[in-house]
C-alpha atoms as a PDB file:
ATOM      1  CA  MET A   1      -0.033   0.106   0.009  1.00  0.00           C
ATOM      2  CA  ILE A   2       1.339   3.474  -0.944  1.00  0.00           C
ATOM      3  CA  ASP A   3       0.706   6.152   1.813  1.00  0.00           C
ATOM      4  CA  VAL A   4      -0.461   9.163  -0.333  1.00  0.00           C
ATOM      5  CA  ALA A   5      -0.742  12.555   1.547  1.00  0.00           C
ATOM      6  CA  PRO A   6      -4.297  14.373   1.449  1.00  0.00           C
ATOM      7  CA  PRO A   7      -4.319  17.243  -1.124  1.00  0.00           C
ATOM      8  CA  ALA A   8      -3.301  20.376   0.383  1.00  0.00           C
ATOM      9  CA  PRO A   9      -6.422  22.942   1.285  1.00  0.00           C
ATOM     10  CA  ALA A  10      -7.061  25.709  -1.262  1.00  0.00           C
ATOM     11  CA  ARG A  11      -6.156  28.285   1.198  1.00  0.00           C
ATOM     12  CA  THR A  12      -4.258  28.694   4.816  1.00  0.00           C
ATOM     13  CA  ALA A  13      -5.716  29.672   8.015  1.00  0.00           C
ATOM     14  CA  PRO A  14      -3.921  32.999   7.974  1.00  0.00           C
ATOM     15  CA  GLN A  15      -5.592  33.564   4.490  1.00  0.00           C
ATOM     16  CA  VAL A  16      -9.131  32.542   5.534  1.00  0.00           C
ATOM     17  CA  ILE A  17      -8.936  34.840   8.426  1.00  0.00           C
ATOM     18  CA  ALA A  18      -7.598  37.851   6.070  1.00  0.00           C
ATOM     19  CA  ASP A  19     -10.180  37.154   3.884  1.00  0.00           C
ATOM     20  CA  LEU A  20     -12.767  37.518   6.755  1.00  0.00           C
ATOM     21  CA  ALA A  21     -11.407  40.554   7.832  1.00  0.00           C
ATOM     22  CA  ALA A  22     -11.417  42.123   4.690  1.00  0.00           C
ATOM     23  CA  LEU A  23     -14.939  41.838   4.483  1.00  0.00           C
ATOM     24  CA  GLY A  24     -14.794  44.995   6.662  1.00  0.00           C
ATOM     25  CA  SER A  25     -17.340  44.623   9.320  1.00  0.00           C
ATOM     26  CA  ALA A  26     -18.876  42.313  12.185  1.00  0.00           C
ATOM     27  CA  GLU A  27     -22.058  42.524  10.029  1.00  0.00           C
ATOM     28  CA  ALA A  28     -20.719  41.277   6.795  1.00  0.00           C
ATOM     29  CA  ILE A  29     -18.943  38.493   8.375  1.00  0.00           C
ATOM     30  CA  ALA A  30     -22.204  37.559  10.190  1.00  0.00           C
ATOM     31  CA  ALA A  31     -23.816  37.587   6.592  1.00  0.00           C
ATOM     32  CA  HIS A  32     -20.890  35.545   4.868  1.00  0.00           C
ATOM     33  CA  LEU A  33     -21.036  32.986   7.771  1.00  0.00           C
ATOM     34  CA  THR A  34     -24.978  32.753   7.535  1.00  0.00           C
ATOM     35  CA  ASP A  35     -24.552  32.231   3.742  1.00  0.00           C
ATOM     36  CA  ARG A  36     -22.216  29.485   4.374  1.00  0.00           C
ATOM     37  CA  GLY A  37     -24.311  27.755   6.797  1.00  0.00           C
ATOM     38  CA  VAL A  38     -21.633  28.130   9.468  1.00  0.00           C
ATOM     39  CA  ARG A  39     -22.853  28.077  13.115  1.00  0.00           C
ATOM     40  CA  GLY A  40     -20.883  28.072  16.456  1.00  0.00           C
ATOM     41  CA  ARG A  41     -21.189  28.457  20.296  1.00  0.00           C
ATOM     42  CA  ILE A  42     -21.028  31.235  22.153  1.00  0.00           C
ATOM     43  CA  GLY A  43     -17.930  31.911  24.356  1.00  0.00           C
ATOM     44  CA  THR A  44     -15.618  29.250  23.029  1.00  0.00           C
ATOM     45  CA  LEU A  45     -12.284  29.563  21.303  1.00  0.00           C
ATOM     46  CA  SER A  46     -12.661  26.285  19.497  1.00  0.00           C
ATOM     47  CA  ASP A  47     -16.256  26.161  18.332  1.00  0.00           C
ATOM     48  CA  CYS A  48     -17.136  29.715  17.367  1.00  0.00           C
ATOM     49  CA  PRO A  49     -18.245  30.076  13.816  1.00  0.00           C
ATOM     50  CA  ILE A  50     -15.034  31.714  12.597  1.00  0.00           C
ATOM     51  CA  GLY A  51     -13.001  28.849  14.227  1.00  0.00           C
ATOM     52  CA  ARG A  52     -15.061  26.375  12.519  1.00  0.00           C
ATOM     53  CA  LEU A  53     -14.904  27.880   9.219  1.00  0.00           C
ATOM     54  CA  VAL A  54     -11.149  28.194   9.202  1.00  0.00           C
ATOM     55  CA  ARG A  55     -11.010  24.467  10.056  1.00  0.00           C
ATOM     56  CA  ALA A  56     -13.361  23.787   7.481  1.00  0.00           C
ATOM     57  CA  GLU A  57     -11.804  25.828   4.591  1.00  0.00           C
ATOM     58  CA  ALA A  58      -8.054  25.483   5.636  1.00  0.00           C
ATOM     59  CA  GLY A  59      -7.973  22.120   6.921  1.00  0.00           C
ATOM     60  CA  ALA A  60      -6.414  23.300  10.191  1.00  0.00           C
ATOM     61  CA  THR A  61      -7.422  21.588  12.994  1.00  0.00           C
ATOM     62  CA  ASP A  62      -5.436  23.435  16.090  1.00  0.00           C
ATOM     63  CA  VAL A  63      -6.914  26.905  15.134  1.00  0.00           C
ATOM     64  CA  LEU A  64      -8.401  28.900  18.241  1.00  0.00           C
ATOM     65  CA  VAL A  65     -10.099  32.380  17.446  1.00  0.00           C
ATOM     66  CA  GLY A  66     -10.382  34.845  20.452  1.00  0.00           C
ATOM     67  CA  SER A  67     -11.105  38.145  20.902  1.00  0.00           C
ATOM     68  CA  GLN A  68      -7.370  39.315  21.166  1.00  0.00           C
ATOM     69  CA  HIS A  69      -5.427  36.503  19.246  1.00  0.00           C
ATOM     70  CA  VAL A  70      -5.859  34.123  16.683  1.00  0.00           C
ATOM     71  CA  PHE A  71      -3.882  30.692  17.807  1.00  0.00           C
ATOM     72  CA  GLY A  72      -2.290  28.036  15.432  1.00  0.00           C
ATOM     73  CA  PRO A  73      -1.724  26.110  13.296  1.00  0.00           C
ATOM     74  CA  GLY A  74       1.608  25.479  14.409  1.00  0.00           C
ATOM     75  CA  SER A  75       1.712  27.297  17.541  1.00  0.00           C
ATOM     76  CA  ARG A  76       1.204  30.657  15.356  1.00  0.00           C
ATOM     77  CA  THR A  77      -0.113  33.417  17.132  1.00  0.00           C
ATOM     78  CA  GLU A  78      -1.467  36.827  15.490  1.00  0.00           C
ATOM     79  CA  GLU A  79      -3.496  39.794  16.538  1.00  0.00           C
ATOM     80  CA  THR A  80      -7.189  39.066  15.835  1.00  0.00           C
ATOM     81  CA  PRO A  81      -8.118  41.765  13.109  1.00  0.00           C
ATOM     82  CA  ALA A  82     -10.574  44.539  14.263  1.00  0.00           C
ATOM     83  CA  PRO A  83     -13.759  43.126  12.137  1.00  0.00           C
ATOM     84  CA  ILE A  84     -13.430  39.737  13.577  1.00  0.00           C
ATOM     85  CA  ARG A  85     -12.966  40.970  17.146  1.00  0.00           C
ATOM     86  CA  GLU A  86     -16.217  43.101  16.650  1.00  0.00           C
ATOM     87  CA  PHE A  87     -17.882  40.016  15.159  1.00  0.00           C
ATOM     88  CA  ILE A  88     -16.944  37.733  18.231  1.00  0.00           C
ATOM     89  CA  ALA A  89     -17.878  40.493  20.802  1.00  0.00           C
ATOM     90  CA  GLN A  90     -21.329  40.887  19.271  1.00  0.00           C
ATOM     91  CA  PHE A  91     -21.859  37.114  18.533  1.00  0.00           C
ATOM     92  CA  ASP A  92     -20.678  36.270  22.257  1.00  0.00           C
ATOM     93  CA  ALA A  93     -23.554  39.025  23.219  1.00  0.00           C
ATOM     94  CA  GLY A  94     -26.168  37.408  21.202  1.00  0.00           C
ATOM     95  CA  ARG A  95     -26.441  39.302  18.130  1.00  0.00           C
ATOM     96  CA  TRP A  96     -26.975  36.638  15.609  1.00  0.00           C
ATOM     97  CA  PRO A  97     -28.875  33.776  17.198  1.00  0.00           C
ATOM     98  CA  GLY A  98     -29.087  32.344  13.803  1.00  0.00           C
ATOM     99  CA  LEU A  99     -25.440  31.689  13.911  1.00  0.00           C
ATOM    100  CA  VAL A 100     -25.761  30.043  17.209  1.00  0.00           C
ATOM    101  CA  GLU A 101     -25.534  26.133  17.484  1.00  0.00           C
ATOM    102  CA  PRO A 102     -27.818  24.844  20.071  1.00  0.00           C
ATOM    103  CA  VAL A 103     -26.008  22.663  22.634  1.00  0.00           C
ATOM    104  CA  PRO A 104     -27.489  19.194  22.797  1.00  0.00           C
ATOM    105  CA  GLY A 105     -29.728  18.920  25.949  1.00  0.00           C
ATOM    106  CA  GLY A 106     -31.222  22.271  25.411  1.00  0.00           C
ATOM    107  CA  GLY A 107     -28.681  24.678  26.775  1.00  0.00           C
ATOM    108  CA  ALA A 108     -27.314  27.887  24.564  1.00  0.00           C
END
């Protein structure tokens, strides 16, 4: 049997973050995530909609997105761009309930 590496993702995690930031506003990011059908959980670094989008589009499994920094992949840390910080603050405050994935068992 020959080991074949999976194809490389079309974009890297930093590229996905940069593309989201280039949308320019929290509202535009929310609309993009809604259009893509991406949902996430409030108050998490690993399961927020942005982290999930980055993992899906870049194939990065070790990405955490916080209000101040984006962590990973490969222990890389970058400052979270302003539009993404604004989205996270508003998402965590409940502004876009349609982007919130329900927790099994009925929690938020």
